[in-house]
Amino acid sequence: FTISRDNAENTVYLQMNSLKPEDTAVYYCAASRGVTITTMRLTT
């Protein structure tokens, strides 16, 4: 997978290649001003 952003278009992308059945899910994007490297994996 590759994440990228286009600030001119206000859009973030997720390119997903070599997909596997275990990738099946609902995918959500989220925005934060306060995450750090240690907290970015936390939904809260």
ModelCIF file with pLDDT and N, C-alpha, C, O atoms, coordinates in Angstrom:
data_MODEL
#
_entry.id   MODEL 
#
_entity.id                         1 
_entity.type                       polymer 
_entity.pdbx_number_of_molecules   1 
#
_entity_poly.entity_id                      1 
_entity_poly.type                           'polypeptide(L)' 
_entity_poly.nstd_linkage                   no 
_entity_poly.nstd_monomer                   no 
_entity_poly.pdbx_seq_one_letter_code       FTISRDNAENTVYLQMNSLKPEDTAVYYCAASRGVTITTMRLTT 
_entity_poly.pdbx_seq_one_letter_code_can   FTISRDNAENTVYLQMNSLKPEDTAVYYCAASRGVTITTMRLTT 
_entity_poly.pdbx_strand_id                 A 
#
loop_
_entity_poly_seq.entity_id 
_entity_poly_seq.num 
_entity_poly_seq.mon_id 
_entity_poly_seq.hetero 
1 1  PHE n 
1 2  THR n 
1 3  ILE n 
1 4  SER n 
1 5  ARG n 
1 6  ASP n 
1 7  ASN n 
1 8  ALA n 
1 9  GLU n 
1 10 ASN n 
1 11 THR n 
1 12 VAL n 
1 13 TYR n 
1 14 LEU n 
1 15 GLN n 
1 16 MET n 
1 17 ASN n 
1 18 SER n 
1 19 LEU n 
1 20 LYS n 
1 21 PRO n 
1 22 GLU n 
1 23 ASP n 
1 24 THR n 
1 25 ALA n 
1 26 VAL n 
1 27 TYR n 
1 28 TYR n 
1 29 CYS n 
1 30 ALA n 
1 31 ALA n 
1 32 SER n 
1 33 ARG n 
1 34 GLY n 
1 35 VAL n 
1 36 THR n 
1 37 ILE n 
1 38 THR n 
1 39 THR n 
1 40 MET n 
1 41 ARG n 
1 42 LEU n 
1 43 THR n 
1 44 THR n 
#
_struct_asym.id          A 
_struct_asym.entity_id   1 
#
loop_
_ma_qa_metric.id 
_ma_qa_metric.mode 
_ma_qa_metric.name 
_ma_qa_metric.software_group_id 
_ma_qa_metric.type 
1 global pLDDT . pLDDT 
2 local  pLDDT . pLDDT 
#
_ma_qa_metric_global.metric_id      1 
_ma_qa_metric_global.metric_value   95.80 
_ma_qa_metric_global.model_id       1 
_ma_qa_metric_global.ordinal_id     1 
#
loop_
_ma_qa_metric_local.label_asym_id 
_ma_qa_metric_local.label_comp_id 
_ma_qa_metric_local.label_seq_id 
_ma_qa_metric_local.metric_id 
_ma_qa_metric_local.metric_value 
_ma_qa_metric_local.model_id 
_ma_qa_metric_local.ordinal_id 
A PHE 1  2 98.00 1 1  
A THR 2  2 98.00 1 2  
A ILE 3  2 98.00 1 3  
A SER 4  2 96.00 1 4  
A ARG 5  2 95.00 1 5  
A ASP 6  2 94.00 1 6  
A ASN 7  2 92.00 1 7  
A ALA 8  2 91.00 1 8  
A GLU 9  2 94.00 1 9  
A ASN 10 2 95.00 1 10 
A THR 11 2 97.00 1 11 
A VAL 12 2 98.00 1 12 
A TYR 13 2 98.00 1 13 
A LEU 14 2 98.00 1 14 
A GLN 15 2 98.00 1 15 
A MET 16 2 98.00 1 16 
A ASN 17 2 98.00 1 17 
A SER 18 2 98.00 1 18 
A LEU 19 2 98.00 1 19 
A LYS 20 2 98.00 1 20 
A PRO 21 2 97.00 1 21 
A GLU 22 2 97.00 1 22 
A ASP 23 2 98.00 1 23 
A THR 24 2 98.00 1 24 
A ALA 25 2 98.00 1 25 
A VAL 26 2 98.00 1 26 
A TYR 27 2 98.00 1 27 
A TYR 28 2 98.00 1 28 
A CYS 29 2 98.00 1 29 
A ALA 30 2 98.00 1 30 
A ALA 31 2 97.00 1 31 
A SER 32 2 95.00 1 32 
A ARG 33 2 90.00 1 33 
A GLY 34 2 87.00 1 34 
A VAL 35 2 91.00 1 35 
A THR 36 2 91.00 1 36 
A ILE 37 2 89.00 1 37 
A THR 38 2 93.00 1 38 
A THR 39 2 95.00 1 39 
A MET 40 2 96.00 1 40 
A ARG 41 2 96.00 1 41 
A LEU 42 2 96.00 1 42 
A THR 43 2 96.00 1 43 
A THR 44 2 95.00 1 44 
#
loop_
_atom_site.group_PDB 
_atom_site.id 
_atom_site.type_symbol 
_atom_site.label_atom_id 
_atom_site.label_alt_id 
_atom_site.label_comp_id 
_atom_site.label_asym_id 
_atom_site.label_entity_id 
_atom_site.label_seq_id 
_atom_site.pdbx_PDB_ins_code 
_atom_site.Cartn_x 
_atom_site.Cartn_y 
_atom_site.Cartn_z 
_atom_site.occupancy 
_atom_site.B_iso_or_equiv 
_atom_site.pdbx_formal_charge 
_atom_site.auth_seq_id 
_atom_site.auth_comp_id 
_atom_site.auth_asym_id 
_atom_site.auth_atom_id 
_atom_site.pdbx_PDB_model_num 
ATOM 1   N N  . PHE A 1 1  ? 0.845   -1.201  0.000  1.00 98.00 ? 1  PHE A N  1 
ATOM 2   C CA . PHE A 1 1  ? 0.000   0.000   0.000  1.00 98.00 ? 1  PHE A CA 1 
ATOM 3   C C  . PHE A 1 1  ? 0.879   1.249   0.000  1.00 98.00 ? 1  PHE A C  1 
ATOM 4   O O  . PHE A 1 1  ? 1.983   1.250   0.544  1.00 98.00 ? 1  PHE A O  1 
ATOM 5   N N  . THR A 1 2  ? 0.369   2.304   -0.617 1.00 98.00 ? 2  THR A N  1 
ATOM 6   C CA . THR A 1 2  ? 1.061   3.594   -0.624 1.00 98.00 ? 2  THR A CA 1 
ATOM 7   C C  . THR A 1 2  ? 0.075   4.695   -0.301 1.00 98.00 ? 2  THR A C  1 
ATOM 8   O O  . THR A 1 2  ? -0.955  4.831   -0.962 1.00 98.00 ? 2  THR A O  1 
ATOM 9   N N  . ILE A 1 3  ? 0.388   5.479   0.711  1.00 98.00 ? 3  ILE A N  1 
ATOM 10  C CA . ILE A 1 3  ? -0.436  6.639   1.060  1.00 98.00 ? 3  ILE A CA 1 
ATOM 11  C C  . ILE A 1 3  ? 0.222   7.884   0.473  1.00 98.00 ? 3  ILE A C  1 
ATOM 12  O O  . ILE A 1 3  ? 1.446   8.021   0.476  1.00 98.00 ? 3  ILE A O  1 
ATOM 13  N N  . SER A 1 4  ? -0.610  8.780   -0.025 1.00 96.00 ? 4  SER A N  1 
ATOM 14  C CA . SER A 1 4  ? -0.096  10.037  -0.565 1.00 96.00 ? 4  SER A CA 1 
ATOM 15  C C  . SER A 1 4  ? -1.149  11.114  -0.373 1.00 96.00 ? 4  SER A C  1 
ATOM 16  O O  . SER A 1 4  ? -2.306  10.821  -0.071 1.00 96.00 ? 4  SER A O  1 
ATOM 17  N N  . ARG A 1 5  ? -0.740  12.361  -0.552 1.00 95.00 ? 5  ARG A N  1 
ATOM 18  C CA . ARG A 1 5  ? -1.679  13.453  -0.407 1.00 95.00 ? 5  ARG A CA 1 
ATOM 19  C C  . ARG A 1 5  ? -1.448  14.500  -1.484 1.00 95.00 ? 5  ARG A C  1 
ATOM 20  O O  . ARG A 1 5  ? -0.326  14.704  -1.947 1.00 95.00 ? 5  ARG A O  1 
ATOM 21  N N  . ASP A 1 6  ? -2.520  15.153  -1.868 1.00 94.00 ? 6  ASP A N  1 
ATOM 22  C CA . ASP A 1 6  ? -2.482  16.259  -2.821 1.00 94.00 ? 6  ASP A CA 1 
ATOM 23  C C  . ASP A 1 6  ? -3.163  17.437  -2.133 1.00 94.00 ? 6  ASP A C  1 
ATOM 24  O O  . ASP A 1 6  ? -4.391  17.519  -2.089 1.00 94.00 ? 6  ASP A O  1 
ATOM 25  N N  . ASN A 1 7  ? -2.370  18.328  -1.609 1.00 92.00 ? 7  ASN A N  1 
ATOM 26  C CA . ASN A 1 7  ? -2.941  19.439  -0.847 1.00 92.00 ? 7  ASN A CA 1 
ATOM 27  C C  . ASN A 1 7  ? -3.706  20.416  -1.738 1.00 92.00 ? 7  ASN A C  1 
ATOM 28  O O  . ASN A 1 7  ? -4.639  21.074  -1.277 1.00 92.00 ? 7  ASN A O  1 
ATOM 29  N N  . ALA A 1 8  ? -3.324  20.514  -2.985 1.00 91.00 ? 8  ALA A N  1 
ATOM 30  C CA . ALA A 1 8  ? -4.051  21.399  -3.897 1.00 91.00 ? 8  ALA A CA 1 
ATOM 31  C C  . ALA A 1 8  ? -5.470  20.903  -4.125 1.00 91.00 ? 8  ALA A C  1 
ATOM 32  O O  . ALA A 1 8  ? -6.383  21.690  -4.377 1.00 91.00 ? 8  ALA A O  1 
ATOM 33  N N  . GLU A 1 9  ? -5.647  19.578  -4.033 1.00 94.00 ? 9  GLU A N  1 
ATOM 34  C CA . GLU A 1 9  ? -6.967  18.972  -4.239 1.00 94.00 ? 9  GLU A CA 1 
ATOM 35  C C  . GLU A 1 9  ? -7.636  18.601  -2.922 1.00 94.00 ? 9  GLU A C  1 
ATOM 36  O O  . GLU A 1 9  ? -8.738  18.053  -2.920 1.00 94.00 ? 9  GLU A O  1 
ATOM 37  N N  . ASN A 1 10 ? -6.979  18.897  -1.798 1.00 95.00 ? 10 ASN A N  1 
ATOM 38  C CA . ASN A 1 10 ? -7.537  18.518  -0.481 1.00 95.00 ? 10 ASN A CA 1 
ATOM 39  C C  . ASN A 1 10 ? -7.890  17.031  -0.430 1.00 95.00 ? 10 ASN A C  1 
ATOM 40  O O  . ASN A 1 10 ? -8.958  16.656  0.055  1.00 95.00 ? 10 ASN A O  1 
ATOM 41  N N  . THR A 1 11 ? -7.000  16.206  -0.925 1.00 97.00 ? 11 THR A N  1 
ATOM 42  C CA . THR A 1 11 ? -7.309  14.788  -1.036 1.00 97.00 ? 11 THR A CA 1 
ATOM 43  C C  . THR A 1 11 ? -6.125  13.938  -0.570 1.00 97.00 ? 11 THR A C  1 
ATOM 44  O O  . THR A 1 11 ? -4.965  14.267  -0.820 1.00 97.00 ? 11 THR A O  1 
ATOM 45  N N  . VAL A 1 12 ? -6.441  12.861  0.097  1.00 98.00 ? 12 VAL A N  1 
ATOM 46  C CA . VAL A 1 12 ? -5.445  11.865  0.459  1.00 98.00 ? 12 VAL A CA 1 
ATOM 47  C C  . VAL A 1 12 ? -5.830  10.553  -0.218 1.00 98.00 ? 12 VAL A C  1 
ATOM 48  O O  . VAL A 1 12 ? -7.010  10.225  -0.335 1.00 98.00 ? 12 VAL A O  1 
ATOM 49  N N  . TYR A 1 13 ? -4.832  9.820   -0.655 1.00 98.00 ? 13 TYR A N  1 
ATOM 50  C CA . TYR A 1 13 ? -5.060  8.596   -1.414 1.00 98.00 ? 13 TYR A CA 1 
ATOM 51  C C  . TYR A 1 13 ? -4.446  7.394   -0.691 1.00 98.00 ? 13 TYR A C  1 
ATOM 52  O O  . TYR A 1 13 ? -3.513  7.520   0.102  1.00 98.00 ? 13 TYR A O  1 
ATOM 53  N N  . LEU A 1 14 ? -5.002  6.238   -0.999 1.00 98.00 ? 14 LEU A N  1 
ATOM 54  C CA . LEU A 1 14 ? -4.401  4.989   -0.559 1.00 98.00 ? 14 LEU A CA 1 
ATOM 55  C C  . LEU A 1 14 ? -4.391  4.048   -1.758 1.00 98.00 ? 14 LEU A C  1 
ATOM 56  O O  . LEU A 1 14 ? -5.423  3.494   -2.138 1.00 98.00 ? 14 LEU A O  1 
ATOM 57  N N  . GLN A 1 15 ? -3.215  3.876   -2.346 1.00 98.00 ? 15 GLN A N  1 
ATOM 58  C CA . GLN A 1 15 ? -3.052  2.933   -3.435 1.00 98.00 ? 15 GLN A CA 1 
ATOM 59  C C  . GLN A 1 15 ? -2.791  1.556   -2.852 1.00 98.00 ? 15 GLN A C  1 
ATOM 60  O O  . GLN A 1 15 ? -1.839  1.365   -2.095 1.00 98.00 ? 15 GLN A O  1 
ATOM 61  N N  . MET A 1 16 ? -3.634  0.601   -3.204 1.00 98.00 ? 16 MET A N  1 
ATOM 62  C CA . MET A 1 16 ? -3.537  -0.735  -2.640 1.00 98.00 ? 16 MET A CA 1 
ATOM 63  C C  . MET A 1 16 ? -3.258  -1.729  -3.752 1.00 98.00 ? 16 MET A C  1 
ATOM 64  O O  . MET A 1 16 ? -4.083  -1.916  -4.647 1.00 98.00 ? 16 MET A O  1 
ATOM 65  N N  . ASN A 1 17 ? -2.107  -2.362  -3.696 1.00 98.00 ? 17 ASN A N  1 
ATOM 66  C CA . ASN A 1 17 ? -1.707  -3.352  -4.687 1.00 98.00 ? 17 ASN A CA 1 
ATOM 67  C C  . ASN A 1 17 ? -1.570  -4.721  -4.036 1.00 98.00 ? 17 ASN A C  1 
ATOM 68  O O  . ASN A 1 17 ? -1.512  -4.833  -2.811 1.00 98.00 ? 17 ASN A O  1 
ATOM 69  N N  . SER A 1 18 ? -1.521  -5.746  -4.854 1.00 98.00 ? 18 SER A N  1 
ATOM 70  C CA . SER A 1 18 ? -1.362  -7.124  -4.367 1.00 98.00 ? 18 SER A CA 1 
ATOM 71  C C  . SER A 1 18 ? -2.342  -7.422  -3.241 1.00 98.00 ? 18 SER A C  1 
ATOM 72  O O  . SER A 1 18 ? -1.964  -7.945  -2.193 1.00 98.00 ? 18 SER A O  1 
ATOM 73  N N  . LEU A 1 19 ? -3.583  -7.085  -3.469 1.00 98.00 ? 19 LEU A N  1 
ATOM 74  C CA . LEU A 1 19 ? -4.593  -7.243  -2.422 1.00 98.00 ? 19 LEU A CA 1 
ATOM 75  C C  . LEU A 1 19 ? -4.813  -8.700  -2.064 1.00 98.00 ? 19 LEU A C  1 
ATOM 76  O O  . LEU A 1 19 ? -4.720  -9.590  -2.909 1.00 98.00 ? 19 LEU A O  1 
ATOM 77  N N  . LYS A 1 20 ? -5.105  -8.921  -0.792 1.00 98.00 ? 20 LYS A N  1 
ATOM 78  C CA . LYS A 1 20 ? -5.342  -10.258 -0.254 1.00 98.00 ? 20 LYS A CA 1 
ATOM 79  C C  . LYS A 1 20 ? -6.742  -10.313 0.349  1.00 98.00 ? 20 LYS A C  1 
ATOM 80  O O  . LYS A 1 20 ? -7.287  -9.274  0.721  1.00 98.00 ? 20 LYS A O  1 
ATOM 81  N N  . PRO A 1 21 ? -7.328  -11.486 0.454  1.00 97.00 ? 21 PRO A N  1 
ATOM 82  C CA . PRO A 1 21 ? -8.661  -11.589 1.085  1.00 97.00 ? 21 PRO A CA 1 
ATOM 83  C C  . PRO A 1 21 ? -8.689  -10.986 2.489  1.00 97.00 ? 21 PRO A C  1 
ATOM 84  O O  . PRO A 1 21 ? -9.716  -10.450 2.905  1.00 97.00 ? 21 PRO A O  1 
ATOM 85  N N  . GLU A 1 22 ? -7.594  -11.066 3.214  1.00 97.00 ? 22 GLU A N  1 
ATOM 86  C CA . GLU A 1 22 ? -7.558  -10.513 4.566  1.00 97.00 ? 22 GLU A CA 1 
ATOM 87  C C  . GLU A 1 22 ? -7.533  -8.986  4.582  1.00 97.00 ? 22 GLU A C  1 
ATOM 88  O O  . GLU A 1 22 ? -7.606  -8.385  5.654  1.00 97.00 ? 22 GLU A O  1 
ATOM 89  N N  . ASP A 1 23 ? -7.431  -8.352  3.423  1.00 98.00 ? 23 ASP A N  1 
ATOM 90  C CA . ASP A 1 23 ? -7.550  -6.895  3.349  1.00 98.00 ? 23 ASP A CA 1 
ATOM 91  C C  . ASP A 1 23 ? -9.017  -6.447  3.296  1.00 98.00 ? 23 ASP A C  1 
ATOM 92  O O  . ASP A 1 23 ? -9.302  -5.250  3.334  1.00 98.00 ? 23 ASP A O  1 
ATOM 93  N N  . THR A 1 24 ? -9.925  -7.386  3.209  1.00 98.00 ? 24 THR A N  1 
ATOM 94  C CA . THR A 1 24 ? -11.348 -7.070  3.167  1.00 98.00 ? 24 THR A CA 1 
ATOM 95  C C  . THR A 1 24 ? -11.772 -6.366  4.449  1.00 98.00 ? 24 THR A C  1 
ATOM 96  O O  . THR A 1 24 ? -11.571 -6.879  5.550  1.00 98.00 ? 24 THR A O  1 
ATOM 97  N N  . ALA A 1 25 ? -12.363 -5.183  4.291  1.00 98.00 ? 25 ALA A N  1 
ATOM 98  C CA . ALA A 1 25 ? -12.773 -4.376  5.443  1.00 98.00 ? 25 ALA A CA 1 
ATOM 99  C C  . ALA A 1 25 ? -13.448 -3.108  4.942  1.00 98.00 ? 25 ALA A C  1 
ATOM 100 O O  . ALA A 1 25 ? -13.442 -2.816  3.747  1.00 98.00 ? 25 ALA A O  1 
ATOM 101 N N  . VAL A 1 26 ? -14.023 -2.368  5.863  1.00 98.00 ? 26 VAL A N  1 
ATOM 102 C CA . VAL A 1 26 ? -14.424 -0.995  5.582  1.00 98.00 ? 26 VAL A CA 1 
ATOM 103 C C  . VAL A 1 26 ? -13.216 -0.115  5.886  1.00 98.00 ? 26 VAL A C  1 
ATOM 104 O O  . VAL A 1 26 ? -12.627 -0.202  6.964  1.00 98.00 ? 26 VAL A O  1 
ATOM 105 N N  . TYR A 1 27 ? -12.860 0.722   4.937  1.00 98.00 ? 27 TYR A N  1 
ATOM 106 C CA . TYR A 1 27 ? -11.693 1.590   5.079  1.00 98.00 ? 27 TYR A CA 1 
ATOM 107 C C  . TYR A 1 27 ? -12.157 3.009   5.387  1.00 98.00 ? 27 TYR A C  1 
ATOM 108 O O  . TYR A 1 27 ? -13.053 3.548   4.738  1.00 98.00 ? 27 TYR A O  1 
ATOM 109 N N  . TYR A 1 28 ? -11.520 3.595   6.397  1.00 98.00 ? 28 TYR A N  1 
ATOM 110 C CA . TYR A 1 28 ? -11.855 4.939   6.847  1.00 98.00 ? 28 TYR A CA 1 
ATOM 111 C C  . TYR A 1 28 ? -10.639 5.842   6.743  1.00 98.00 ? 28 TYR A C  1 
ATOM 112 O O  . TYR A 1 28 ? -9.515  5.418   7.014  1.00 98.00 ? 28 TYR A O  1 
ATOM 113 N N  . CYS A 1 29 ? -10.867 7.087   6.351  1.00 98.00 ? 29 CYS A N  1 
ATOM 114 C CA . CYS A 1 29 ? -9.791  8.067   6.501  1.00 98.00 ? 29 CYS A CA 1 
ATOM 115 C C  . CYS A 1 29 ? -10.111 8.946   7.704  1.00 98.00 ? 29 CYS A C  1 
ATOM 116 O O  . CYS A 1 29 ? -11.264 9.092   8.110  1.00 98.00 ? 29 CYS A O  1 
ATOM 117 N N  . ALA A 1 30 ? -9.065  9.517   8.251  1.00 98.00 ? 30 ALA A N  1 
ATOM 118 C CA . ALA A 1 30 ? -9.196  10.319  9.462  1.00 98.00 ? 30 ALA A CA 1 
ATOM 119 C C  . ALA A 1 30 ? -8.167  11.433  9.452  1.00 98.00 ? 30 ALA A C  1 
ATOM 120 O O  . ALA A 1 30 ? -7.103  11.310  8.845  1.00 98.00 ? 30 ALA A O  1 
ATOM 121 N N  . ALA A 1 31 ? -8.497  12.520  10.131 1.00 97.00 ? 31 ALA A N  1 
ATOM 122 C CA . ALA A 1 31 ? -7.630  13.695  10.169 1.00 97.00 ? 31 ALA A CA 1 
ATOM 123 C C  . ALA A 1 31 ? -7.300  14.065  11.598 1.00 97.00 ? 31 ALA A C  1 
ATOM 124 O O  . ALA A 1 31 ? -8.138  13.970  12.495 1.00 97.00 ? 31 ALA A O  1 
ATOM 125 N N  . SER A 1 32 ? -6.060  14.489  11.793 1.00 95.00 ? 32 SER A N  1 
ATOM 126 C CA . SER A 1 32 ? -5.640  14.883  13.127 1.00 95.00 ? 32 SER A CA 1 
ATOM 127 C C  . SER A 1 32 ? -4.552  15.944  13.036 1.00 95.00 ? 32 SER A C  1 
ATOM 128 O O  . SER A 1 32 ? -3.723  15.930  12.127 1.00 95.00 ? 32 SER A O  1 
ATOM 129 N N  . ARG A 1 33 ? -4.573  16.862  13.995 1.00 90.00 ? 33 ARG A N  1 
ATOM 130 C CA . ARG A 1 33 ? -3.475  17.824  14.127 1.00 90.00 ? 33 ARG A CA 1 
ATOM 131 C C  . ARG A 1 33 ? -2.540  17.436  15.255 1.00 90.00 ? 33 ARG A C  1 
ATOM 132 O O  . ARG A 1 33 ? -1.493  18.057  15.436 1.00 90.00 ? 33 ARG A O  1 
ATOM 133 N N  . GLY A 1 34 ? -2.909  16.410  16.020 1.00 87.00 ? 34 GLY A N  1 
ATOM 134 C CA . GLY A 1 34 ? -2.156  16.170  17.244 1.00 87.00 ? 34 GLY A CA 1 
ATOM 135 C C  . GLY A 1 34 ? -1.397  14.867  17.313 1.00 87.00 ? 34 GLY A C  1 
ATOM 136 O O  . GLY A 1 34 ? -0.802  14.562  18.347 1.00 87.00 ? 34 GLY A O  1 
ATOM 137 N N  . VAL A 1 35 ? -1.399  14.079  16.232 1.00 91.00 ? 35 VAL A N  1 
ATOM 138 C CA . VAL A 1 35 ? -0.727  12.783  16.348 1.00 91.00 ? 35 VAL A CA 1 
ATOM 139 C C  . VAL A 1 35 ? 0.784   12.940  16.253 1.00 91.00 ? 35 VAL A C  1 
ATOM 140 O O  . VAL A 1 35 ? 1.298   13.894  15.669 1.00 91.00 ? 35 VAL A O  1 
ATOM 141 N N  . THR A 1 36 ? 1.468   11.985  16.837 1.00 91.00 ? 36 THR A N  1 
ATOM 142 C CA . THR A 1 36 ? 2.921   11.890  16.736 1.00 91.00 ? 36 THR A CA 1 
ATOM 143 C C  . THR A 1 36 ? 3.259   10.513  16.188 1.00 91.00 ? 36 THR A C  1 
ATOM 144 O O  . THR A 1 36 ? 2.369   9.705   15.923 1.00 91.00 ? 36 THR A O  1 
ATOM 145 N N  . ILE A 1 37 ? 4.531   10.255  16.022 1.00 89.00 ? 37 ILE A N  1 
ATOM 146 C CA . ILE A 1 37 ? 4.938   8.946   15.518 1.00 89.00 ? 37 ILE A CA 1 
ATOM 147 C C  . ILE A 1 37 ? 4.465   7.845   16.456 1.00 89.00 ? 37 ILE A C  1 
ATOM 148 O O  . ILE A 1 37 ? 4.122   6.749   16.012 1.00 89.00 ? 37 ILE A O  1 
ATOM 149 N N  . THR A 1 38 ? 4.447   8.135   17.747 1.00 93.00 ? 38 THR A N  1 
ATOM 150 C CA . THR A 1 38 ? 4.068   7.109   18.719 1.00 93.00 ? 38 THR A CA 1 
ATOM 151 C C  . THR A 1 38 ? 2.568   6.961   18.887 1.00 93.00 ? 38 THR A C  1 
ATOM 152 O O  . THR A 1 38 ? 2.110   5.957   19.434 1.00 93.00 ? 38 THR A O  1 
ATOM 153 N N  . THR A 1 39 ? 1.788   7.940   18.429 1.00 95.00 ? 39 THR A N  1 
ATOM 154 C CA . THR A 1 39 ? 0.341   7.869   18.653 1.00 95.00 ? 39 THR A CA 1 
ATOM 155 C C  . THR A 1 39 ? -0.465  7.740   17.380 1.00 95.00 ? 39 THR A C  1 
ATOM 156 O O  . THR A 1 39 ? -1.688  7.628   17.453 1.00 95.00 ? 39 THR A O  1 
ATOM 157 N N  . MET A 1 40 ? 0.149   7.751   16.237 1.00 96.00 ? 40 MET A N  1 
ATOM 158 C CA . MET A 1 40 ? -0.609  7.788   14.994 1.00 96.00 ? 40 MET A CA 1 
ATOM 159 C C  . MET A 1 40 ? -1.430  6.541   14.762 1.00 96.00 ? 40 MET A C  1 
ATOM 160 O O  . MET A 1 40 ? -2.362  6.569   13.959 1.00 96.00 ? 40 MET A O  1 
ATOM 161 N N  . ARG A 1 41 ? -1.119  5.445   15.434 1.00 96.00 ? 41 ARG A N  1 
ATOM 162 C CA . ARG A 1 41 ? -1.875  4.207   15.259 1.00 96.00 ? 41 ARG A CA 1 
ATOM 163 C C  . ARG A 1 41 ? -3.124  4.140   16.136 1.00 96.00 ? 41 ARG A C  1 
ATOM 164 O O  . ARG A 1 41 ? -3.877  3.168   16.070 1.00 96.00 ? 41 ARG A O  1 
ATOM 165 N N  . LEU A 1 42 ? -3.343  5.155   16.947 1.00 96.00 ? 42 LEU A N  1 
ATOM 166 C CA . LEU A 1 42 ? -4.459  5.152   17.888 1.00 96.00 ? 42 LEU A CA 1 
ATOM 167 C C  . LEU A 1 42 ? -5.650  5.915   17.308 1.00 96.00 ? 42 LEU A C  1 
ATOM 168 O O  . LEU A 1 42 ? -5.525  7.078   16.925 1.00 96.00 ? 42 LEU A O  1 
ATOM 169 N N  . THR A 1 43 ? -6.788  5.257   17.247 1.00 96.00 ? 43 THR A N  1 
ATOM 170 C CA . THR A 1 43 ? -7.984  5.900   16.690 1.00 96.00 ? 43 THR A CA 1 
ATOM 171 C C  . THR A 1 43 ? -8.402  7.114   17.518 1.00 96.00 ? 43 THR A C  1 
ATOM 172 O O  . THR A 1 43 ? -8.964  8.070   16.983 1.00 96.00 ? 43 THR A O  1 
ATOM 173 N N  . THR A 1 44 ? -8.131  7.074   18.801 1.00 95.00 ? 44 THR A N  1 
ATOM 174 C CA . THR A 1 44 ? -8.565  8.168   19.684 1.00 95.00 ? 44 THR A CA 1 
ATOM 175 C C  . THR A 1 44 ? -7.821  9.467   19.442 1.00 95.00 ? 44 THR A C  1 
ATOM 176 O O  . THR A 1 44 ? -8.086  10.464  20.114 1.00 95.00 ? 44 THR A O  1 
#
